[in-house]
Amino acid sequence: MTVAVKNNNKTPLVVPPAVRREAGFKSGQELEFKASGGVITIIPKLTTADDEYTPEQRRAIDAELDAAEKGTFHGPFKTAGEMIAHLKAKLKETAPRKSKRAR
């Protein structure tokens, strides 16, 4: 859809309702405007994780992430084969031992 409007600095630039509908913008929705090289891009403002969780939930998540970062790290590996060899060695370490039974 293409709509032409005349820009004059006395009145605000308005996005026509038909264009807003075509873009799927809802009433009351927050939008971001980005300008670059004579082009204005309008996109819906994305929610952040901070908007989705209460401060108490965010503290609990951050504490779990901090604890996870203190865990064991492996790598970086130079090749995929090196990583696979490392994983196979780890599997051998954790595999249950077969006991030898006397017959």
N, C-alpha and C. Protein backbone atom coordinates (compact mmCIF):
# COMPACT_ATOMS: atom_id res chain seq x y z
N MET A 1 0.84 -1.17 0.00
CA MET A 1 0.00 0.00 0.00
C MET A 1 0.89 1.23 0.00
N THR A 2 0.56 2.19 -0.82
CA THR A 2 1.29 3.45 -0.88
C THR A 2 0.31 4.59 -0.70
N VAL A 3 0.65 5.49 0.22
CA VAL A 3 -0.17 6.68 0.45
C VAL A 3 0.78 7.87 0.46
N ALA A 4 0.44 8.92 -0.25
CA ALA A 4 1.26 10.12 -0.27
C ALA A 4 0.63 11.19 0.60
N VAL A 5 1.45 11.83 1.43
CA VAL A 5 0.98 12.95 2.25
C VAL A 5 1.99 14.08 2.09
N LYS A 6 1.52 15.32 2.27
CA LYS A 6 2.41 16.47 2.16
C LYS A 6 2.93 16.80 3.56
N ASN A 7 4.24 16.95 3.67
CA ASN A 7 4.87 17.28 4.94
C ASN A 7 5.05 18.79 5.02
N ASN A 8 4.41 19.40 6.03
CA ASN A 8 4.74 20.80 6.31
C ASN A 8 5.06 20.86 7.80
N ASN A 9 5.98 21.69 8.15
CA ASN A 9 6.48 21.73 9.52
C ASN A 9 5.51 22.34 10.52
N LYS A 10 4.36 22.84 10.06
CA LYS A 10 3.41 23.46 10.96
C LYS A 10 2.53 22.44 11.67
N THR A 11 2.27 21.31 11.03
CA THR A 11 1.42 20.29 11.65
C THR A 11 2.21 18.99 11.76
N PRO A 12 1.87 18.18 12.75
CA PRO A 12 2.59 16.91 12.89
C PRO A 12 2.34 15.99 11.71
N LEU A 13 3.32 15.14 11.44
CA LEU A 13 3.17 14.15 10.39
C LEU A 13 2.30 13.02 10.95
N VAL A 14 1.24 12.67 10.24
CA VAL A 14 0.28 11.67 10.72
C VAL A 14 0.30 10.46 9.79
N VAL A 15 0.34 9.28 10.38
CA VAL A 15 0.26 8.05 9.60
C VAL A 15 -1.23 7.78 9.36
N PRO A 16 -1.64 7.69 8.12
CA PRO A 16 -3.07 7.48 7.83
C PRO A 16 -3.59 6.18 8.46
N PRO A 17 -4.85 6.17 8.90
CA PRO A 17 -5.43 4.98 9.52
C PRO A 17 -5.34 3.72 8.67
N ALA A 18 -5.51 3.85 7.36
CA ALA A 18 -5.45 2.68 6.47
C ALA A 18 -4.05 2.05 6.52
N VAL A 19 -3.02 2.88 6.61
CA VAL A 19 -1.64 2.38 6.67
C VAL A 19 -1.41 1.70 8.01
N ARG A 20 -1.90 2.30 9.09
CA ARG A 20 -1.77 1.68 10.42
C ARG A 20 -2.46 0.32 10.47
N ARG A 21 -3.65 0.24 9.87
CA ARG A 21 -4.37 -1.05 9.83
C ARG A 21 -3.58 -2.08 9.04
N GLU A 22 -3.08 -1.67 7.88
CA GLU A 22 -2.31 -2.57 7.01
C GLU A 22 -1.08 -3.10 7.74
N ALA A 23 -0.45 -2.24 8.56
CA ALA A 23 0.74 -2.64 9.31
C ALA A 23 0.39 -3.48 10.53
N GLY A 24 -0.88 -3.47 10.93
CA GLY A 24 -1.29 -4.26 12.09
C GLY A 24 -1.07 -3.59 13.42
N PHE A 25 -0.89 -2.25 13.40
CA PHE A 25 -0.69 -1.53 14.65
C PHE A 25 -2.02 -1.40 15.38
N LYS A 26 -1.99 -1.63 16.68
CA LYS A 26 -3.18 -1.55 17.51
C LYS A 26 -3.21 -0.22 18.26
N SER A 27 -4.39 0.21 18.63
CA SER A 27 -4.54 1.45 19.38
C SER A 27 -3.87 1.31 20.74
N GLY A 28 -3.08 2.28 21.12
CA GLY A 28 -2.39 2.25 22.41
C GLY A 28 -1.07 1.50 22.39
N GLN A 29 -0.74 0.86 21.29
CA GLN A 29 0.50 0.10 21.17
C GLN A 29 1.69 1.06 21.09
N GLU A 30 2.78 0.71 21.80
CA GLU A 30 3.98 1.53 21.74
C GLU A 30 4.75 1.21 20.46
N LEU A 31 5.24 2.25 19.80
CA LEU A 31 5.97 2.09 18.55
C LEU A 31 7.34 2.73 18.66
N GLU A 32 8.30 2.20 17.91
CA GLU A 32 9.63 2.78 17.85
C GLU A 32 9.83 3.36 16.45
N PHE A 33 10.43 4.54 16.39
CA PHE A 33 10.74 5.19 15.13
C PHE A 33 12.25 5.19 14.96
N LYS A 34 12.71 4.72 13.80
CA LYS A 34 14.14 4.74 13.49
C LYS A 34 14.32 5.47 12.17
N ALA A 35 15.25 6.43 12.16
CA ALA A 35 15.51 7.20 10.94
C ALA A 35 16.93 6.96 10.49
N SER A 36 17.09 6.67 9.20
CA SER A 36 18.42 6.45 8.63
C SER A 36 18.37 6.71 7.13
N GLY A 37 19.24 7.58 6.67
CA GLY A 37 19.34 7.83 5.24
C GLY A 37 18.06 8.31 4.59
N GLY A 38 17.29 9.14 5.26
CA GLY A 38 16.06 9.66 4.67
C GLY A 38 14.89 8.70 4.73
N VAL A 39 15.05 7.57 5.45
CA VAL A 39 13.98 6.59 5.57
C VAL A 39 13.59 6.47 7.04
N ILE A 40 12.30 6.53 7.30
CA ILE A 40 11.80 6.35 8.67
C ILE A 40 11.16 4.97 8.75
N THR A 41 11.60 4.18 9.72
CA THR A 41 11.04 2.85 9.93
C THR A 41 10.27 2.87 11.25
N ILE A 42 9.04 2.39 11.20
CA ILE A 42 8.21 2.33 12.40
C ILE A 42 7.98 0.86 12.72
N ILE A 43 8.36 0.46 13.94
CA ILE A 43 8.18 -0.93 14.35
C ILE A 43 7.56 -0.98 15.74
N PRO A 44 6.81 -2.04 16.04
CA PRO A 44 6.24 -2.18 17.38
C PRO A 44 7.37 -2.29 18.40
N LYS A 45 7.21 -1.64 19.54
CA LYS A 45 8.22 -1.72 20.59
C LYS A 45 8.11 -3.09 21.23
N LEU A 46 9.23 -3.81 21.25
CA LEU A 46 9.25 -5.14 21.82
C LEU A 46 9.34 -5.06 23.34
N THR A 47 8.67 -5.98 24.00
CA THR A 47 8.76 -6.03 25.45
C THR A 47 10.10 -6.61 25.85
N THR A 48 10.59 -6.21 26.99
CA THR A 48 11.84 -6.76 27.51
C THR A 48 11.52 -7.73 28.62
N ALA A 49 12.49 -8.52 28.99
CA ALA A 49 12.29 -9.48 30.07
C ALA A 49 11.96 -8.75 31.36
N ASP A 50 12.47 -7.54 31.53
CA ASP A 50 12.17 -6.77 32.74
C ASP A 50 10.69 -6.45 32.84
N ASP A 51 10.02 -6.31 31.69
CA ASP A 51 8.58 -6.02 31.69
C ASP A 51 7.75 -7.26 32.01
N GLU A 52 8.31 -8.46 31.82
CA GLU A 52 7.54 -9.68 31.96
C GLU A 52 7.59 -10.27 33.37
N TYR A 53 8.55 -9.87 34.19
CA TYR A 53 8.73 -10.47 35.50
C TYR A 53 8.69 -9.40 36.59
N THR A 54 8.23 -9.80 37.76
CA THR A 54 8.27 -8.90 38.91
C THR A 54 9.72 -8.79 39.36
N PRO A 55 10.06 -7.76 40.13
CA PRO A 55 11.44 -7.64 40.62
C PRO A 55 11.88 -8.88 41.42
N GLU A 56 10.98 -9.47 42.18
CA GLU A 56 11.32 -10.67 42.96
C GLU A 56 11.64 -11.85 42.03
N GLN A 57 10.82 -12.03 40.98
CA GLN A 57 11.08 -13.10 40.01
C GLN A 57 12.39 -12.86 39.28
N ARG A 58 12.67 -11.61 38.92
CA ARG A 58 13.90 -11.26 38.21
C ARG A 58 15.12 -11.58 39.08
N ARG A 59 15.05 -11.26 40.41
CA ARG A 59 16.17 -11.57 41.32
C ARG A 59 16.40 -13.07 41.38
N ALA A 60 15.32 -13.86 41.45
CA ALA A 60 15.46 -15.32 41.51
C ALA A 60 16.09 -15.86 40.23
N ILE A 61 15.67 -15.36 39.09
CA ILE A 61 16.23 -15.80 37.81
C ILE A 61 17.70 -15.42 37.72
N ASP A 62 18.02 -14.18 38.10
CA ASP A 62 19.42 -13.73 38.06
C ASP A 62 20.30 -14.57 38.98
N ALA A 63 19.78 -14.95 40.15
CA ALA A 63 20.55 -15.78 41.08
C ALA A 63 20.81 -17.16 40.48
N GLU A 64 19.82 -17.73 39.82
CA GLU A 64 20.00 -19.04 39.17
C GLU A 64 21.01 -18.95 38.03
N LEU A 65 20.97 -17.87 37.27
CA LEU A 65 21.94 -17.69 36.18
C LEU A 65 23.35 -17.52 36.72
N ASP A 66 23.49 -16.76 37.81
CA ASP A 66 24.81 -16.59 38.43
C ASP A 66 25.36 -17.92 38.91
N ALA A 67 24.51 -18.74 39.52
CA ALA A 67 24.94 -20.05 40.01
C ALA A 67 25.35 -20.94 38.83
N ALA A 68 24.61 -20.88 37.74
CA ALA A 68 24.92 -21.70 36.57
C ALA A 68 26.26 -21.30 35.96
N GLU A 69 26.57 -20.01 35.98
CA GLU A 69 27.83 -19.53 35.40
C GLU A 69 29.04 -19.98 36.22
N LYS A 70 28.83 -20.31 37.47
CA LYS A 70 29.94 -20.77 38.31
C LYS A 70 30.22 -22.25 38.11
N GLY A 71 29.40 -22.92 37.32
CA GLY A 71 29.55 -24.35 37.08
C GLY A 71 30.74 -24.65 36.18
N THR A 72 30.88 -25.92 35.82
CA THR A 72 31.99 -26.37 34.99
C THR A 72 31.76 -25.97 33.53
N PHE A 73 32.79 -25.41 32.92
CA PHE A 73 32.74 -25.05 31.51
C PHE A 73 33.73 -25.92 30.76
N HIS A 74 33.42 -26.21 29.53
CA HIS A 74 34.31 -26.99 28.67
C HIS A 74 34.50 -26.22 27.37
N GLY A 75 35.68 -26.36 26.79
CA GLY A 75 35.93 -25.69 25.53
C GLY A 75 36.64 -24.38 25.77
N PRO A 76 36.84 -23.58 24.79
CA PRO A 76 36.40 -23.77 23.41
C PRO A 76 37.21 -24.86 22.70
N PHE A 77 36.60 -25.49 21.75
CA PHE A 77 37.24 -26.55 21.00
C PHE A 77 37.66 -26.01 19.64
N LYS A 78 38.78 -26.51 19.14
CA LYS A 78 39.28 -26.04 17.84
C LYS A 78 38.50 -26.66 16.68
N THR A 79 38.01 -27.89 16.86
CA THR A 79 37.27 -28.56 15.79
C THR A 79 36.07 -29.28 16.39
N ALA A 80 35.14 -29.64 15.53
CA ALA A 80 33.98 -30.41 15.97
C ALA A 80 34.42 -31.79 16.46
N GLY A 81 35.43 -32.37 15.80
CA GLY A 81 35.94 -33.68 16.21
C GLY A 81 36.50 -33.65 17.62
N GLU A 82 37.19 -32.55 17.96
CA GLU A 82 37.73 -32.40 19.31
C GLU A 82 36.61 -32.36 20.34
N MET A 83 35.53 -31.67 20.03
CA MET A 83 34.39 -31.59 20.93
C MET A 83 33.74 -32.97 21.09
N ILE A 84 33.57 -33.69 20.00
CA ILE A 84 32.95 -35.02 20.05
C ILE A 84 33.80 -35.96 20.88
N ALA A 85 35.12 -35.91 20.71
CA ALA A 85 36.01 -36.76 21.51
C ALA A 85 35.87 -36.45 22.99
N HIS A 86 35.75 -35.15 23.31
CA HIS A 86 35.57 -34.74 24.71
C HIS A 86 34.25 -35.29 25.26
N LEU A 87 33.17 -35.19 24.48
CA LEU A 87 31.87 -35.68 24.94
C LEU A 87 31.88 -37.20 25.14
N LYS A 88 32.53 -37.92 24.24
CA LYS A 88 32.62 -39.37 24.38
C LYS A 88 33.40 -39.75 25.63
N ALA A 89 34.47 -39.02 25.92
CA ALA A 89 35.25 -39.29 27.14
C ALA A 89 34.40 -39.04 28.38
N LYS A 90 33.61 -37.97 28.36
CA LYS A 90 32.73 -37.67 29.50
C LYS A 90 31.68 -38.76 29.68
N LEU A 91 31.15 -39.28 28.58
CA LEU A 91 30.16 -40.36 28.66
C LEU A 91 30.78 -41.62 29.28
N LYS A 92 32.01 -41.91 28.91
CA LYS A 92 32.68 -43.09 29.48
C LYS A 92 32.86 -42.93 30.98
N GLU A 93 33.16 -41.70 31.42
CA GLU A 93 33.35 -41.45 32.85
C GLU A 93 32.06 -41.66 33.63
N THR A 94 30.95 -41.31 33.05
CA THR A 94 29.68 -41.37 33.77
C THR A 94 28.89 -42.65 33.51
N ALA A 95 29.34 -43.47 32.57
CA ALA A 95 28.62 -44.70 32.24
C ALA A 95 28.72 -45.69 33.41
N PRO A 96 27.65 -46.43 33.68
CA PRO A 96 27.72 -47.42 34.77
C PRO A 96 28.75 -48.51 34.44
N ARG A 97 29.46 -48.92 35.46
CA ARG A 97 30.49 -49.94 35.28
C ARG A 97 29.84 -51.31 35.20
N LYS A 98 30.34 -52.11 34.29
CA LYS A 98 29.84 -53.49 34.19
C LYS A 98 30.62 -54.33 35.16
N SER A 99 29.91 -55.07 35.95
CA SER A 99 30.60 -55.93 36.91
C SER A 99 30.86 -57.30 36.27
N LYS A 100 31.99 -57.86 36.62
CA LYS A 100 32.33 -59.17 36.09
C LYS A 100 31.78 -60.20 37.06
N ARG A 101 30.91 -61.07 36.57
CA ARG A 101 30.33 -62.10 37.42
C ARG A 101 31.05 -63.41 37.18
N ALA A 102 31.24 -64.11 38.26
CA ALA A 102 31.86 -65.45 38.14
C ALA A 102 30.77 -66.44 37.79
N ARG A 103 31.07 -67.38 36.87
CA ARG A 103 30.09 -68.38 36.48
C ARG A 103 30.38 -69.69 37.12
